[in-house]
Amino acid sequence: MFTEYIKLGVEHILDPKGIDHVLFLLVLVILFSLKNWKQVIVLATAFTIGHSLTLACSALGWISTSSKLIEILIALSIAVTALLNMIKPDPEGDIKGRYLSAIIFGLIHGFGFAGFFKTILGKDSIVLPLLAFNIGVEIAQVTVVILVLLSSFLIVDIMKLKKRHLVLVTSLLVFLYAIKLVVERI
């Protein structure tokens, strides 16, 4: 059963129907270079920490929220992160702010899966399933982070496109899509 929860965590991030996680990771990571891979993994892990906290609290029945509101907030978190990239594209100058936003937005995103997670838990203990699920989430997120960093390396260092242009175009496209999601979810 442990491996099933790991698989569920991976699928949760990589599910095409839940593209919001990948888009959030994309705009969170696109600012960074391959040489900053350790820092970026820690950033993605900060998101996982926030995600797991609200997932656990919700699954235990300690916190309850409106799923419609959470879906809107998830889309807004993507839009805000993309907008921050366009306004302040230097992650080095605001790394603490990026970690804080990753944790906060992780908290919001955790609520998005909490209802389903609670139903599959049944009366089982939450500890091992949550651990396994978060291992799966982290595996998927690290995969996405590596793919974004490698793609960025190819585009910037090999194809010689300016990093600023890559960040702006990617962030703008994700921002527009996130605003579309907000409107659809309202």
N, C-alpha and C. Protein backbone atom coordinates (compact mmCIF):
# COMPACT_ATOMS: atom_id res chain seq x y z
N MET A 1 0.82 -1.19 0.00
CA MET A 1 0.00 0.00 0.00
C MET A 1 0.87 1.27 0.00
N PHE A 2 2.04 1.20 0.65
CA PHE A 2 2.95 2.34 0.70
C PHE A 2 3.29 2.81 -0.71
N THR A 3 3.62 1.86 -1.58
CA THR A 3 3.99 2.22 -2.96
C THR A 3 2.80 2.79 -3.73
N GLU A 4 1.60 2.38 -3.38
CA GLU A 4 0.42 2.93 -4.03
C GLU A 4 0.27 4.42 -3.72
N TYR A 5 0.56 4.78 -2.49
CA TYR A 5 0.48 6.19 -2.11
C TYR A 5 1.60 7.00 -2.77
N ILE A 6 2.77 6.39 -2.92
CA ILE A 6 3.85 7.07 -3.66
C ILE A 6 3.40 7.33 -5.09
N LYS A 7 2.84 6.31 -5.71
CA LYS A 7 2.34 6.44 -7.08
C LYS A 7 1.26 7.52 -7.16
N LEU A 8 0.39 7.57 -6.19
CA LEU A 8 -0.67 8.58 -6.14
C LEU A 8 -0.07 9.98 -6.05
N GLY A 9 0.98 10.14 -5.25
CA GLY A 9 1.66 11.43 -5.14
C GLY A 9 2.27 11.88 -6.45
N VAL A 10 2.92 10.94 -7.15
CA VAL A 10 3.51 11.25 -8.46
C VAL A 10 2.40 11.64 -9.44
N GLU A 11 1.34 10.85 -9.47
CA GLU A 11 0.23 11.13 -10.39
C GLU A 11 -0.44 12.46 -10.06
N HIS A 12 -0.51 12.79 -8.79
CA HIS A 12 -1.14 14.05 -8.37
C HIS A 12 -0.43 15.25 -9.02
N ILE A 13 0.87 15.21 -9.08
CA ILE A 13 1.63 16.31 -9.67
C ILE A 13 1.62 16.25 -11.19
N LEU A 14 1.76 15.06 -11.76
CA LEU A 14 1.93 14.93 -13.21
C LEU A 14 0.64 14.71 -13.99
N ASP A 15 -0.49 14.64 -13.32
CA ASP A 15 -1.78 14.43 -13.98
C ASP A 15 -2.08 15.62 -14.89
N PRO A 16 -2.28 15.37 -16.20
CA PRO A 16 -2.58 16.47 -17.12
C PRO A 16 -3.84 17.25 -16.74
N LYS A 17 -4.76 16.62 -16.05
CA LYS A 17 -5.98 17.32 -15.62
C LYS A 17 -5.68 18.29 -14.49
N GLY A 18 -4.58 18.06 -13.78
CA GLY A 18 -4.18 18.94 -12.69
C GLY A 18 -2.93 19.70 -13.05
N ILE A 19 -2.92 20.29 -14.21
CA ILE A 19 -1.75 20.98 -14.75
C ILE A 19 -1.29 22.15 -13.85
N ASP A 20 -2.15 22.54 -12.92
CA ASP A 20 -1.82 23.68 -12.07
C ASP A 20 -0.53 23.51 -11.29
N HIS A 21 -0.25 22.29 -10.82
CA HIS A 21 1.00 22.07 -10.08
C HIS A 21 2.22 22.25 -10.98
N VAL A 22 2.15 21.72 -12.17
CA VAL A 22 3.28 21.83 -13.09
C VAL A 22 3.49 23.29 -13.49
N LEU A 23 2.39 24.00 -13.74
CA LEU A 23 2.51 25.42 -14.10
C LEU A 23 3.11 26.23 -12.95
N PHE A 24 2.68 25.93 -11.73
CA PHE A 24 3.24 26.63 -10.57
C PHE A 24 4.74 26.36 -10.47
N LEU A 25 5.12 25.10 -10.60
CA LEU A 25 6.54 24.76 -10.53
C LEU A 25 7.33 25.43 -11.66
N LEU A 26 6.73 25.47 -12.84
CA LEU A 26 7.39 26.09 -13.99
C LEU A 26 7.73 27.56 -13.69
N VAL A 27 6.73 28.32 -13.22
CA VAL A 27 7.01 29.74 -12.96
C VAL A 27 7.85 29.95 -11.70
N LEU A 28 7.82 28.99 -10.80
CA LEU A 28 8.66 29.08 -9.61
C LEU A 28 10.13 28.85 -9.97
N VAL A 29 10.38 27.98 -10.93
CA VAL A 29 11.73 27.51 -11.25
C VAL A 29 12.37 28.24 -12.43
N ILE A 30 11.57 28.77 -13.34
CA ILE A 30 12.10 29.32 -14.59
C ILE A 30 13.13 30.43 -14.39
N LEU A 31 13.10 31.07 -13.24
CA LEU A 31 14.06 32.14 -12.95
C LEU A 31 15.48 31.64 -12.75
N PHE A 32 15.60 30.39 -12.38
CA PHE A 32 16.89 29.85 -11.94
C PHE A 32 17.64 29.16 -13.07
N SER A 33 18.94 29.01 -12.86
CA SER A 33 19.80 28.32 -13.81
C SER A 33 20.13 26.93 -13.27
N LEU A 34 20.65 26.10 -14.14
CA LEU A 34 21.02 24.73 -13.78
C LEU A 34 22.02 24.72 -12.63
N LYS A 35 22.89 25.72 -12.57
CA LYS A 35 23.89 25.77 -11.50
C LYS A 35 23.25 25.94 -10.12
N ASN A 36 22.00 26.41 -10.07
CA ASN A 36 21.28 26.62 -8.81
C ASN A 36 20.37 25.44 -8.46
N TRP A 37 20.63 24.27 -9.02
CA TRP A 37 19.70 23.16 -8.88
C TRP A 37 19.42 22.79 -7.42
N LYS A 38 20.41 22.87 -6.54
CA LYS A 38 20.19 22.52 -5.13
C LYS A 38 19.22 23.50 -4.48
N GLN A 39 19.42 24.76 -4.75
CA GLN A 39 18.56 25.81 -4.21
C GLN A 39 17.12 25.62 -4.71
N VAL A 40 16.98 25.22 -5.94
CA VAL A 40 15.66 25.04 -6.54
C VAL A 40 14.96 23.80 -5.96
N ILE A 41 15.72 22.76 -5.70
CA ILE A 41 15.13 21.56 -5.07
C ILE A 41 14.60 21.93 -3.67
N VAL A 42 15.37 22.74 -2.94
CA VAL A 42 14.92 23.19 -1.62
C VAL A 42 13.65 24.04 -1.76
N LEU A 43 13.58 24.85 -2.79
CA LEU A 43 12.40 25.67 -3.06
C LEU A 43 11.18 24.79 -3.32
N ALA A 44 11.35 23.76 -4.14
CA ALA A 44 10.25 22.82 -4.42
C ALA A 44 9.86 22.07 -3.15
N THR A 45 10.84 21.74 -2.33
CA THR A 45 10.56 21.05 -1.07
C THR A 45 9.79 21.96 -0.11
N ALA A 46 10.07 23.25 -0.14
CA ALA A 46 9.30 24.20 0.68
C ALA A 46 7.83 24.15 0.28
N PHE A 47 7.59 24.06 -1.00
CA PHE A 47 6.22 23.93 -1.50
C PHE A 47 5.59 22.63 -0.97
N THR A 48 6.35 21.52 -1.01
CA THR A 48 5.85 20.24 -0.52
C THR A 48 5.52 20.30 0.96
N ILE A 49 6.34 21.00 1.72
CA ILE A 49 6.09 21.13 3.17
C ILE A 49 4.74 21.82 3.41
N GLY A 50 4.53 22.94 2.74
CA GLY A 50 3.25 23.63 2.88
C GLY A 50 2.10 22.76 2.43
N HIS A 51 2.27 22.10 1.30
CA HIS A 51 1.27 21.21 0.72
C HIS A 51 0.90 20.10 1.70
N SER A 52 1.90 19.49 2.32
CA SER A 52 1.63 18.37 3.22
C SER A 52 0.98 18.81 4.52
N LEU A 53 1.30 20.02 4.98
CA LEU A 53 0.70 20.52 6.23
C LEU A 53 -0.82 20.67 6.11
N THR A 54 -1.26 21.33 5.06
CA THR A 54 -2.72 21.51 4.92
C THR A 54 -3.40 20.21 4.52
N LEU A 55 -2.70 19.38 3.78
CA LEU A 55 -3.26 18.08 3.43
C LEU A 55 -3.50 17.25 4.69
N ALA A 56 -2.53 17.25 5.59
CA ALA A 56 -2.67 16.51 6.85
C ALA A 56 -3.76 17.11 7.72
N CYS A 57 -3.74 18.42 7.89
CA CYS A 57 -4.73 19.08 8.75
C CYS A 57 -6.15 18.87 8.22
N SER A 58 -6.30 18.92 6.93
CA SER A 58 -7.61 18.72 6.33
C SER A 58 -8.05 17.26 6.44
N ALA A 59 -7.13 16.35 6.17
CA ALA A 59 -7.46 14.92 6.25
C ALA A 59 -7.82 14.50 7.68
N LEU A 60 -7.21 15.16 8.65
CA LEU A 60 -7.53 14.87 10.06
C LEU A 60 -8.80 15.59 10.53
N GLY A 61 -9.35 16.43 9.67
CA GLY A 61 -10.57 17.14 10.02
C GLY A 61 -10.35 18.38 10.86
N TRP A 62 -9.12 18.83 10.97
CA TRP A 62 -8.81 20.00 11.78
C TRP A 62 -9.18 21.30 11.07
N ILE A 63 -9.11 21.28 9.73
CA ILE A 63 -9.40 22.47 8.92
C ILE A 63 -10.32 22.05 7.78
N SER A 64 -11.26 22.90 7.49
CA SER A 64 -12.18 22.64 6.39
C SER A 64 -12.31 23.92 5.56
N THR A 65 -12.33 23.77 4.25
CA THR A 65 -12.43 24.93 3.37
C THR A 65 -13.37 24.64 2.21
N SER A 66 -13.73 25.67 1.52
CA SER A 66 -14.55 25.54 0.31
C SER A 66 -13.65 25.13 -0.85
N SER A 67 -13.98 24.02 -1.49
CA SER A 67 -13.15 23.54 -2.61
C SER A 67 -13.17 24.53 -3.77
N LYS A 68 -14.30 25.21 -3.97
CA LYS A 68 -14.37 26.20 -5.05
C LYS A 68 -13.41 27.36 -4.77
N LEU A 69 -13.40 27.84 -3.53
CA LEU A 69 -12.49 28.92 -3.16
C LEU A 69 -11.04 28.48 -3.33
N ILE A 70 -10.72 27.27 -2.90
CA ILE A 70 -9.35 26.77 -3.02
C ILE A 70 -8.92 26.69 -4.48
N GLU A 71 -9.79 26.21 -5.35
CA GLU A 71 -9.46 26.11 -6.78
C GLU A 71 -9.16 27.50 -7.36
N ILE A 72 -9.92 28.49 -6.94
CA ILE A 72 -9.67 29.87 -7.39
C ILE A 72 -8.33 30.36 -6.84
N LEU A 73 -8.07 30.10 -5.56
CA LEU A 73 -6.81 30.53 -4.94
C LEU A 73 -5.60 29.84 -5.56
N ILE A 74 -5.75 28.58 -5.95
CA ILE A 74 -4.66 27.87 -6.62
C ILE A 74 -4.31 28.58 -7.93
N ALA A 75 -5.33 28.88 -8.72
CA ALA A 75 -5.10 29.58 -9.99
C ALA A 75 -4.49 30.96 -9.74
N LEU A 76 -4.96 31.65 -8.71
CA LEU A 76 -4.40 32.96 -8.37
C LEU A 76 -2.94 32.86 -7.93
N SER A 77 -2.60 31.78 -7.21
CA SER A 77 -1.21 31.62 -6.77
C SER A 77 -0.27 31.45 -7.96
N ILE A 78 -0.75 30.80 -8.99
CA ILE A 78 0.04 30.64 -10.21
C ILE A 78 0.20 32.00 -10.89
N ALA A 79 -0.91 32.74 -10.99
CA ALA A 79 -0.88 34.06 -11.63
C ALA A 79 0.04 35.01 -10.87
N VAL A 80 -0.03 35.01 -9.56
CA VAL A 80 0.81 35.90 -8.75
C VAL A 80 2.29 35.55 -8.92
N THR A 81 2.61 34.27 -8.91
CA THR A 81 4.01 33.85 -9.08
C THR A 81 4.53 34.26 -10.46
N ALA A 82 3.72 34.07 -11.48
CA ALA A 82 4.12 34.48 -12.84
C ALA A 82 4.29 36.00 -12.90
N LEU A 83 3.39 36.72 -12.28
CA LEU A 83 3.46 38.18 -12.27
C LEU A 83 4.72 38.65 -11.54
N LEU A 84 5.04 38.03 -10.42
CA LEU A 84 6.27 38.37 -9.69
C LEU A 84 7.50 38.17 -10.58
N ASN A 85 7.49 37.12 -11.38
CA ASN A 85 8.60 36.88 -12.30
C ASN A 85 8.76 38.02 -13.29
N MET A 86 7.63 38.56 -13.74
CA MET A 86 7.70 39.64 -14.74
C MET A 86 8.10 40.96 -14.09
N ILE A 87 7.71 41.16 -12.84
CA ILE A 87 8.02 42.41 -12.14
C ILE A 87 9.43 42.38 -11.55
N LYS A 88 9.78 41.27 -10.91
CA LYS A 88 11.06 41.15 -10.22
C LYS A 88 11.72 39.83 -10.64
N PRO A 89 12.42 39.84 -11.76
CA PRO A 89 12.96 38.59 -12.31
C PRO A 89 14.27 38.11 -11.69
N ASP A 90 14.74 38.75 -10.63
CA ASP A 90 16.01 38.35 -10.03
C ASP A 90 15.74 37.54 -8.76
N PRO A 91 15.83 36.21 -8.84
CA PRO A 91 15.53 35.39 -7.66
C PRO A 91 16.58 35.54 -6.56
N GLU A 92 17.79 35.90 -6.93
CA GLU A 92 18.86 36.02 -5.95
C GLU A 92 18.57 37.12 -4.94
N GLY A 93 17.98 38.22 -5.41
CA GLY A 93 17.71 39.34 -4.53
C GLY A 93 16.52 39.11 -3.60
N ASP A 94 15.73 38.09 -3.88
CA ASP A 94 14.52 37.87 -3.09
C ASP A 94 14.30 36.38 -2.81
N ILE A 95 15.36 35.66 -2.52
CA ILE A 95 15.23 34.21 -2.35
C ILE A 95 14.37 33.88 -1.12
N LYS A 96 14.49 34.65 -0.05
CA LYS A 96 13.68 34.38 1.14
C LYS A 96 12.20 34.57 0.81
N GLY A 97 11.90 35.58 0.02
CA GLY A 97 10.52 35.82 -0.41
C GLY A 97 9.99 34.68 -1.27
N ARG A 98 10.87 34.14 -2.10
CA ARG A 98 10.47 33.00 -2.96
C ARG A 98 10.18 31.76 -2.12
N TYR A 99 11.01 31.51 -1.09
CA TYR A 99 10.77 30.38 -0.19
C TYR A 99 9.45 30.56 0.56
N LEU A 100 9.22 31.76 1.04
CA LEU A 100 7.99 32.04 1.77
C LEU A 100 6.76 31.85 0.88
N SER A 101 6.83 32.37 -0.35
CA SER A 101 5.69 32.20 -1.26
C SER A 101 5.50 30.74 -1.62
N ALA A 102 6.58 29.97 -1.75
CA ALA A 102 6.45 28.54 -2.06
C ALA A 102 5.72 27.81 -0.94
N ILE A 103 6.06 28.14 0.30
CA ILE A 103 5.39 27.51 1.45
C ILE A 103 3.92 27.93 1.51
N ILE A 104 3.67 29.22 1.38
CA ILE A 104 2.29 29.72 1.47
C ILE A 104 1.44 29.13 0.35
N PHE A 105 1.96 29.16 -0.86
CA PHE A 105 1.18 28.62 -1.97
C PHE A 105 1.07 27.10 -1.87
N GLY A 106 2.06 26.45 -1.26
CA GLY A 106 1.95 25.02 -0.98
C GLY A 106 0.80 24.74 -0.03
N LEU A 107 0.63 25.60 0.97
CA LEU A 107 -0.49 25.46 1.90
C LEU A 107 -1.82 25.50 1.14
N ILE A 108 -1.94 26.44 0.23
CA ILE A 108 -3.17 26.57 -0.56
C ILE A 108 -3.36 25.34 -1.44
N HIS A 109 -2.33 24.93 -2.15
CA HIS A 109 -2.44 23.79 -3.06
C HIS A 109 -2.77 22.49 -2.31
N GLY A 110 -2.30 22.37 -1.07
CA GLY A 110 -2.59 21.17 -0.28
C GLY A 110 -4.06 20.96 -0.04
N PHE A 111 -4.80 22.05 0.11
CA PHE A 111 -6.24 21.94 0.29
C PHE A 111 -6.93 21.38 -0.95
N GLY A 112 -6.33 21.60 -2.12
CA GLY A 112 -6.93 21.17 -3.37
C GLY A 112 -7.09 19.67 -3.51
N PHE A 113 -6.27 18.91 -2.80
CA PHE A 113 -6.30 17.45 -2.91
C PHE A 113 -6.82 16.81 -1.62
N ALA A 114 -7.03 17.60 -0.61
CA ALA A 114 -7.35 17.08 0.72
C ALA A 114 -8.62 16.26 0.77
N GLY A 115 -9.67 16.71 0.08
CA GLY A 115 -10.93 15.97 0.12
C GLY A 115 -10.78 14.57 -0.43
N PHE A 116 -10.13 14.46 -1.58
CA PHE A 116 -9.93 13.14 -2.18
C PHE A 116 -9.03 12.28 -1.30
N PHE A 117 -7.97 12.87 -0.79
CA PHE A 117 -7.03 12.14 0.06
C PHE A 117 -7.74 11.59 1.29
N LYS A 118 -8.62 12.40 1.87
CA LYS A 118 -9.37 11.99 3.06
C LYS A 118 -10.27 10.80 2.76
N THR A 119 -10.90 10.80 1.59
CA THR A 119 -11.80 9.69 1.24
C THR A 119 -11.03 8.38 1.00
N ILE A 120 -9.84 8.44 0.43
CA ILE A 120 -9.11 7.20 0.19
C ILE A 120 -8.45 6.66 1.45
N LEU A 121 -8.24 7.54 2.43
CA LEU A 121 -7.65 7.09 3.69
C LEU A 121 -8.60 6.19 4.47
N GLY A 122 -9.86 6.53 4.43
CA GLY A 122 -10.82 5.80 5.25
C GLY A 122 -10.48 5.98 6.71
N LYS A 123 -10.40 4.89 7.45
CA LYS A 123 -10.10 4.97 8.88
C LYS A 123 -8.64 4.62 9.16
N ASP A 124 -7.84 4.49 8.11
CA ASP A 124 -6.42 4.17 8.29
C ASP A 124 -5.68 5.32 8.95
N SER A 125 -4.55 5.01 9.53
CA SER A 125 -3.66 6.03 10.09
C SER A 125 -3.17 6.92 8.96
N ILE A 126 -2.97 8.17 9.26
CA ILE A 126 -2.56 9.12 8.23
C ILE A 126 -1.05 9.16 8.02
N VAL A 127 -0.27 8.71 8.98
CA VAL A 127 1.18 8.91 8.97
C VAL A 127 1.87 8.28 7.76
N LEU A 128 1.76 6.98 7.59
CA LEU A 128 2.46 6.33 6.47
C LEU A 128 1.89 6.72 5.10
N PRO A 129 0.56 6.78 4.95
CA PRO A 129 0.05 7.24 3.65
C PRO A 129 0.50 8.65 3.29
N LEU A 130 0.51 9.55 4.28
CA LEU A 130 0.93 10.92 4.01
C LEU A 130 2.42 10.97 3.67
N LEU A 131 3.22 10.21 4.38
CA LEU A 131 4.65 10.14 4.08
C LEU A 131 4.88 9.61 2.67
N ALA A 132 4.22 8.52 2.34
CA ALA A 132 4.39 7.92 1.01
C ALA A 132 3.90 8.88 -0.08
N PHE A 133 2.75 9.49 0.14
CA PHE A 133 2.19 10.44 -0.82
C PHE A 133 3.17 11.59 -1.06
N ASN A 134 3.74 12.13 0.02
CA ASN A 134 4.68 13.24 -0.12
C ASN A 134 5.99 12.83 -0.77
N ILE A 135 6.40 11.59 -0.57
CA ILE A 135 7.57 11.09 -1.31
C ILE A 135 7.26 11.10 -2.79
N GLY A 136 6.07 10.66 -3.15
CA GLY A 136 5.65 10.67 -4.56
C GLY A 136 5.58 12.08 -5.12
N VAL A 137 5.01 13.00 -4.33
CA VAL A 137 4.94 14.41 -4.74
C VAL A 137 6.34 14.95 -4.99
N GLU A 138 7.24 14.66 -4.06
CA GLU A 138 8.61 15.17 -4.18
C GLU A 138 9.33 14.57 -5.39
N ILE A 139 9.14 13.29 -5.64
CA ILE A 139 9.74 12.65 -6.83
C ILE A 139 9.27 13.35 -8.10
N ALA A 140 7.97 13.58 -8.18
CA ALA A 140 7.41 14.23 -9.37
C ALA A 140 7.90 15.67 -9.49
N GLN A 141 7.93 16.38 -8.36
CA GLN A 141 8.38 17.77 -8.41
C GLN A 141 9.85 17.88 -8.79
N VAL A 142 10.68 17.02 -8.27
CA VAL A 142 12.09 17.04 -8.64
C VAL A 142 12.24 16.74 -10.13
N THR A 143 11.44 15.84 -10.64
CA THR A 143 11.45 15.53 -12.07
C THR A 143 11.10 16.77 -12.88
N VAL A 144 10.04 17.46 -12.49
CA VAL A 144 9.62 18.67 -13.20
C VAL A 144 10.71 19.74 -13.09
N VAL A 145 11.27 19.92 -11.91
CA VAL A 145 12.33 20.92 -11.70
C VAL A 145 13.51 20.62 -12.61
N ILE A 146 13.94 19.39 -12.65
CA ILE A 146 15.09 19.02 -13.50
C ILE A 146 14.77 19.27 -14.97
N LEU A 147 13.58 18.91 -15.40
CA LEU A 147 13.19 19.14 -16.80
C LEU A 147 13.16 20.64 -17.14
N VAL A 148 12.63 21.45 -16.23
CA VAL A 148 12.60 22.90 -16.47
C VAL A 148 14.02 23.46 -16.51
N LEU A 149 14.85 23.06 -15.57
CA LEU A 149 16.23 23.56 -15.54
C LEU A 149 17.02 23.13 -16.78
N LEU A 150 16.83 21.88 -17.19
CA LEU A 150 17.52 21.40 -18.40
C LEU A 150 17.01 22.12 -19.65
N SER A 151 15.70 22.31 -19.74
CA SER A 151 15.13 23.03 -20.88
C SER A 151 15.64 24.46 -20.92
N SER A 152 15.68 25.10 -19.77
CA SER A 152 16.19 26.46 -19.68
C SER A 152 17.66 26.51 -20.10
N PHE A 153 18.44 25.54 -19.66
CA PHE A 153 19.85 25.47 -20.04
C PHE A 153 19.99 25.36 -21.56
N LEU A 154 19.18 24.49 -22.17
CA LEU A 154 19.25 24.32 -23.62
C LEU A 154 18.87 25.60 -24.35
N ILE A 155 17.82 26.25 -23.88
CA ILE A 155 17.33 27.45 -24.56
C ILE A 155 18.28 28.64 -24.34
N VAL A 156 18.78 28.82 -23.14
CA VAL A 156 19.61 29.98 -22.82
C VAL A 156 21.07 29.75 -23.17
N ASP A 157 21.63 28.63 -22.74
CA ASP A 157 23.07 28.41 -22.91
C ASP A 157 23.45 27.81 -24.26
N ILE A 158 22.59 27.01 -24.82
CA ILE A 158 22.90 26.37 -26.10
C ILE A 158 22.33 27.18 -27.27
N MET A 159 21.05 27.55 -27.16
CA MET A 159 20.40 28.29 -28.25
C MET A 159 20.64 29.80 -28.15
N LYS A 160 21.18 30.24 -27.03
CA LYS A 160 21.60 31.63 -26.80
C LYS A 160 20.43 32.64 -26.76
N LEU A 161 19.28 32.19 -26.29
CA LEU A 161 18.18 33.12 -26.04
C LEU A 161 18.43 33.77 -24.68
N LYS A 162 18.15 35.04 -24.57
CA LYS A 162 18.39 35.72 -23.29
C LYS A 162 17.47 35.16 -22.22
N LYS A 163 18.03 34.93 -21.05
CA LYS A 163 17.28 34.39 -19.92
C LYS A 163 16.07 35.26 -19.60
N ARG A 164 16.27 36.56 -19.62
CA ARG A 164 15.18 37.50 -19.32
C ARG A 164 14.00 37.29 -20.26
N HIS A 165 14.29 37.06 -21.54
CA HIS A 165 13.22 36.84 -22.52
C HIS A 165 12.49 35.53 -22.24
N LEU A 166 13.25 34.50 -21.91
CA LEU A 166 12.63 33.21 -21.59
C LEU A 166 11.71 33.35 -20.38
N VAL A 167 12.19 34.02 -19.35
CA VAL A 167 11.40 34.22 -18.13
C VAL A 167 10.14 35.03 -18.44
N LEU A 168 10.29 36.11 -19.18
CA LEU A 168 9.14 36.97 -19.49
C LEU A 168 8.08 36.24 -20.33
N VAL A 169 8.51 35.59 -21.38
CA VAL A 169 7.56 34.89 -22.26
C VAL A 169 6.87 33.75 -21.51
N THR A 170 7.65 32.93 -20.82
CA THR A 170 7.07 31.82 -20.08
C THR A 170 6.11 32.33 -19.02
N SER A 171 6.52 33.32 -18.26
CA SER A 171 5.70 33.85 -17.19
C SER A 171 4.42 34.49 -17.73
N LEU A 172 4.54 35.22 -18.83
CA LEU A 172 3.36 35.84 -19.43
C LEU A 172 2.35 34.78 -19.89
N LEU A 173 2.84 33.76 -20.57
CA LEU A 173 1.94 32.70 -21.04
C LEU A 173 1.25 31.98 -19.88
N VAL A 174 2.02 31.68 -18.85
CA VAL A 174 1.44 31.01 -17.68
C VAL A 174 0.48 31.95 -16.96
N PHE A 175 0.84 33.24 -16.85
CA PHE A 175 -0.04 34.22 -16.23
C PHE A 175 -1.39 34.27 -16.95
N LEU A 176 -1.36 34.37 -18.26
CA LEU A 176 -2.61 34.44 -19.03
C LEU A 176 -3.45 33.17 -18.84
N TYR A 177 -2.80 32.03 -18.85
CA TYR A 177 -3.52 30.78 -18.64
C TYR A 177 -4.11 30.72 -17.22
N ALA A 178 -3.35 31.17 -16.24
CA ALA A 178 -3.83 31.16 -14.85
C ALA A 178 -5.03 32.09 -14.69
N ILE A 179 -5.00 33.24 -15.34
CA ILE A 179 -6.15 34.16 -15.28
C ILE A 179 -7.36 33.50 -15.93
N LYS A 180 -7.15 32.79 -17.00
CA LYS A 180 -8.24 32.03 -17.64
C LYS A 180 -8.83 31.02 -16.66
N LEU A 181 -7.96 30.32 -15.92
CA LEU A 181 -8.42 29.37 -14.91
C LEU A 181 -9.23 30.07 -13.81
N VAL A 182 -8.75 31.23 -13.37
CA VAL A 182 -9.47 31.99 -12.34
C VAL A 182 -10.88 32.30 -12.83
N VAL A 183 -10.98 32.83 -14.05
CA VAL A 183 -12.28 33.20 -14.60
C VAL A 183 -13.18 31.97 -14.73
N GLU A 184 -12.64 30.86 -15.21
CA GLU A 184 -13.44 29.64 -15.34
C GLU A 184 -13.91 29.12 -13.99
N ARG A 185 -13.09 29.26 -12.97
CA ARG A 185 -13.41 28.72 -11.66
C ARG A 185 -14.36 29.63 -10.87
N ILE A 186 -14.43 30.89 -11.26
CA ILE A 186 -15.38 31.80 -10.60
C ILE A 186 -16.76 31.50 -11.15
